[in-house]
């Protein structure tokens, strides 16, 4: 069992930047896929960004060019750098991990959001005000 703990959420102004971090309780080196997902009130969960075991990243259309996912295998940390934030980015952001293959490339977890993920954090709130 892997525990994931997110931090770094909070309020931010429209156009600002924020970095959210996820710390895993076990090694992430062998994880098939790691990712960030978000869910706004009344909305379905949405795939934000994922990164596979080779370090290749994929992004949801809504955040391409603004968000960057990265990982530190030595520290078992997954980060999401969010730039040019917009009010529509307001949501709870969740870190997730897939321990093994789910029959699709890692990017397949972007839609539907979170497909194939085995482990989830409790989430952090990001609130972008205009």
Protein backbone atom coordinates (compact mmCIF):
# COMPACT_ATOMS: atom_id res chain seq x y z
CA UNK A 1 0.00 0.00 0.00
CA UNK A 2 1.35 3.40 -1.00
CA UNK A 3 0.26 6.57 0.73
CA UNK A 4 0.29 9.85 -1.16
CA UNK A 5 0.22 13.22 0.59
CA UNK A 6 -0.29 16.47 -1.28
CA UNK A 7 0.71 19.94 -0.17
CA UNK A 8 1.07 23.44 -1.59
CA UNK A 9 -2.50 24.34 -2.47
CA UNK A 10 -4.14 27.62 -1.53
CA UNK A 11 -5.45 30.89 -2.90
CA UNK A 12 -3.80 32.60 -5.88
CA UNK A 13 -4.64 35.50 -8.15
CA UNK A 14 -5.67 35.15 -11.76
CA UNK A 15 -2.47 34.90 -13.83
CA UNK A 16 -0.39 33.78 -10.87
CA UNK A 17 1.64 30.65 -10.24
CA UNK A 18 1.48 27.84 -7.71
CA UNK A 19 3.31 24.59 -7.15
CA UNK A 20 1.69 21.54 -5.61
CA UNK A 21 3.74 18.65 -4.31
CA UNK A 22 2.98 15.00 -3.60
CA UNK A 23 5.15 12.86 -1.35
CA UNK A 24 4.85 9.07 -1.61
CA UNK A 25 5.42 6.71 1.32
CA UNK A 26 7.24 4.22 -0.91
CA UNK A 27 9.47 4.26 -3.95
CA UNK A 28 7.89 5.68 -7.10
CA UNK A 29 10.68 4.40 -9.33
CA UNK A 30 8.71 1.37 -10.47
CA UNK A 31 5.33 3.01 -10.75
CA UNK A 32 3.80 2.52 -14.18
CA UNK A 33 2.19 5.93 -14.17
CA UNK A 34 1.96 8.96 -11.88
CA UNK A 35 -0.40 11.84 -12.29
CA UNK A 36 -2.35 14.85 -11.15
CA UNK A 37 -6.09 15.07 -11.44
CA UNK A 38 -8.58 17.71 -10.39
CA UNK A 39 -12.22 18.00 -9.55
CA UNK A 40 -14.24 21.18 -9.28
CA UNK A 41 -17.54 21.27 -7.36
CA UNK A 42 -20.29 19.69 -9.41
CA UNK A 43 -17.87 18.56 -12.09
CA UNK A 44 -16.38 15.20 -13.05
CA UNK A 45 -12.78 14.42 -12.24
CA UNK A 46 -10.43 15.68 -14.93
CA UNK A 47 -6.97 14.53 -15.94
CA UNK A 48 -4.40 17.32 -15.57
CA UNK A 49 -1.01 15.74 -16.21
CA UNK A 50 0.62 12.31 -16.10
CA UNK A 51 4.17 11.03 -16.33
CA UNK A 52 5.20 7.49 -17.19
CA UNK A 53 8.05 5.31 -15.94
CA UNK A 54 10.34 6.66 -18.68
CA UNK A 55 9.65 10.24 -17.64
CA UNK A 56 7.46 11.08 -20.60
CA UNK A 57 4.73 13.57 -19.70
CA UNK A 58 1.27 14.16 -21.13
CA UNK A 59 -1.20 16.92 -20.35
CA UNK A 60 -4.88 17.61 -20.49
CA UNK A 61 -5.89 20.06 -23.19
CA UNK A 62 -7.00 22.67 -20.64
CA UNK A 63 -3.53 23.01 -19.11
CA UNK A 64 -1.13 22.40 -21.99
CA UNK A 65 1.58 25.05 -22.12
CA UNK A 66 0.78 26.31 -18.61
CA UNK A 67 1.38 23.36 -16.27
CA UNK A 68 4.45 21.16 -15.88
CA UNK A 69 4.62 17.80 -14.14
CA UNK A 70 7.91 16.52 -12.74
CA UNK A 71 9.17 13.84 -10.42
CA UNK A 72 12.12 13.27 -8.11
CA UNK A 73 12.78 9.55 -7.89
CA UNK A 74 15.32 9.95 -5.08
CA UNK A 75 12.85 11.79 -2.87
CA UNK A 76 9.69 9.98 -4.07
CA UNK A 77 8.12 13.31 -4.93
CA UNK A 78 5.75 14.30 -7.72
CA UNK A 79 5.32 18.01 -8.47
CA UNK A 80 2.95 20.10 -10.53
CA UNK A 81 4.06 23.60 -11.44
CA UNK A 82 1.07 25.70 -12.45
CA UNK A 83 1.60 28.99 -14.29
CA UNK A 84 -0.79 31.50 -15.83
CA UNK A 85 -3.54 30.26 -13.57
CA UNK A 86 -7.15 31.03 -14.44
CA UNK A 87 -10.31 31.02 -12.31
CA UNK A 88 -11.42 27.89 -14.16
CA UNK A 89 -8.40 26.08 -12.70
CA UNK A 90 -10.05 26.28 -9.28
CA UNK A 91 -10.50 22.73 -8.00
CA UNK A 92 -9.30 20.09 -5.60
CA UNK A 93 -6.08 18.63 -6.98
CA UNK A 94 -5.25 14.98 -6.39
CA UNK A 95 -2.04 13.03 -6.78
CA UNK A 96 -2.37 9.44 -7.98
CA UNK A 97 -0.22 6.47 -8.92
CA UNK A 98 -0.64 3.25 -10.88
CA UNK A 99 1.42 0.38 -9.53
CA UNK A 100 1.27 -1.59 -12.77
CA UNK A 101 0.03 -1.53 -16.32
CA UNK A 102 -3.67 -0.90 -16.86
CA UNK A 103 -3.67 -1.92 -20.50
CA UNK A 104 -3.21 1.56 -21.91
CA UNK A 105 -0.31 3.99 -22.20
CA UNK A 106 0.01 6.25 -19.16
CA UNK A 107 -1.70 9.09 -21.04
CA UNK A 108 -4.78 6.91 -21.18
CA UNK A 109 -5.38 7.85 -17.57
CA UNK A 110 -6.13 11.44 -18.53
CA UNK A 111 -9.60 10.59 -19.84
CA UNK A 112 -11.62 9.47 -18.11
CA UNK A 113 -9.71 11.20 -15.36
CA UNK A 114 -7.85 8.73 -13.21
CA UNK A 115 -8.46 5.54 -15.16
CA UNK A 116 -6.12 2.80 -13.99
CA UNK A 117 -4.82 4.59 -10.90
CA UNK A 118 -4.43 2.42 -7.81
CA UNK A 119 -3.43 4.94 -5.16
CA UNK A 120 -4.82 8.39 -4.39
CA UNK A 121 -3.98 11.25 -2.11
CA UNK A 122 -6.64 13.19 -0.21
CA UNK A 123 -6.21 16.27 -2.35
CA UNK A 124 -5.41 19.96 -1.91
CA UNK A 125 -7.57 22.92 -2.81
CA UNK A 126 -6.44 25.50 -5.35
CA UNK A 127 -8.56 28.63 -5.54
CA UNK A 128 -7.84 31.10 -8.34
CA UNK A 129 -9.55 34.44 -7.90
CA UNK A 130 -10.11 37.05 -10.59
